């Protein structure tokens, strides 16, 4: 087999290697309820140990399906960050349902995908550059629905050019996803355990 000409082999090999020590679960029953703030851990040590054993005991077909689903969800998490930093709003919109729920002021509100994109474009115009890092921490897949937690680390560089106006955010993202005819889509989004720091609030040594 010529591995260089077989993208499917490369994809399978990469997700199989990544799954040797999965931080998320194969199947933990019902998906989590709406989050509280601050958000505690979503999984116990016993649940994680049981999930690792369950994926090892699954059939080859189930393992492959799970790994492909997991790889696509991981792609969504990284595309979420990448599309914001590159201001690629059409790409950003591709990962969401046409209408989804977004957490604002501890409440979930129906959000129109296209209207949100217009708001994001306007909001990020004030920053000369940003850096968003999202790393999957927990992924739960239950049939055609899924839940994922990812790290939140975002730097915003203000157009003023004054370092004192820059902002750092850190915490976690929460994604609820649904399987569609076009792959997985985000149906609900939240930021939890979020801390915001303005450079001007930090202590600068003299």
Foldseek 3Di string as FASTA:
>chain_A
DPVVPDVVVVLQVVLVVVLPQDLAFAADDDDDDDADAQGDDPDDPVRSVVRNVVLVPDDPVSVSVSSVLVVVVQVLQVQCQVCLQVVVLVSNLVQADQWAWEDDPNDTDIDGSVVVSVVSSVVLVQFPGKGWDWAWRYWHDDPFKIKTKIWTWMKTHGPVNDLQAIKIKTAIKIFIWGQDPVGIHTRYIYGHPMDMDGSVPDDDDD
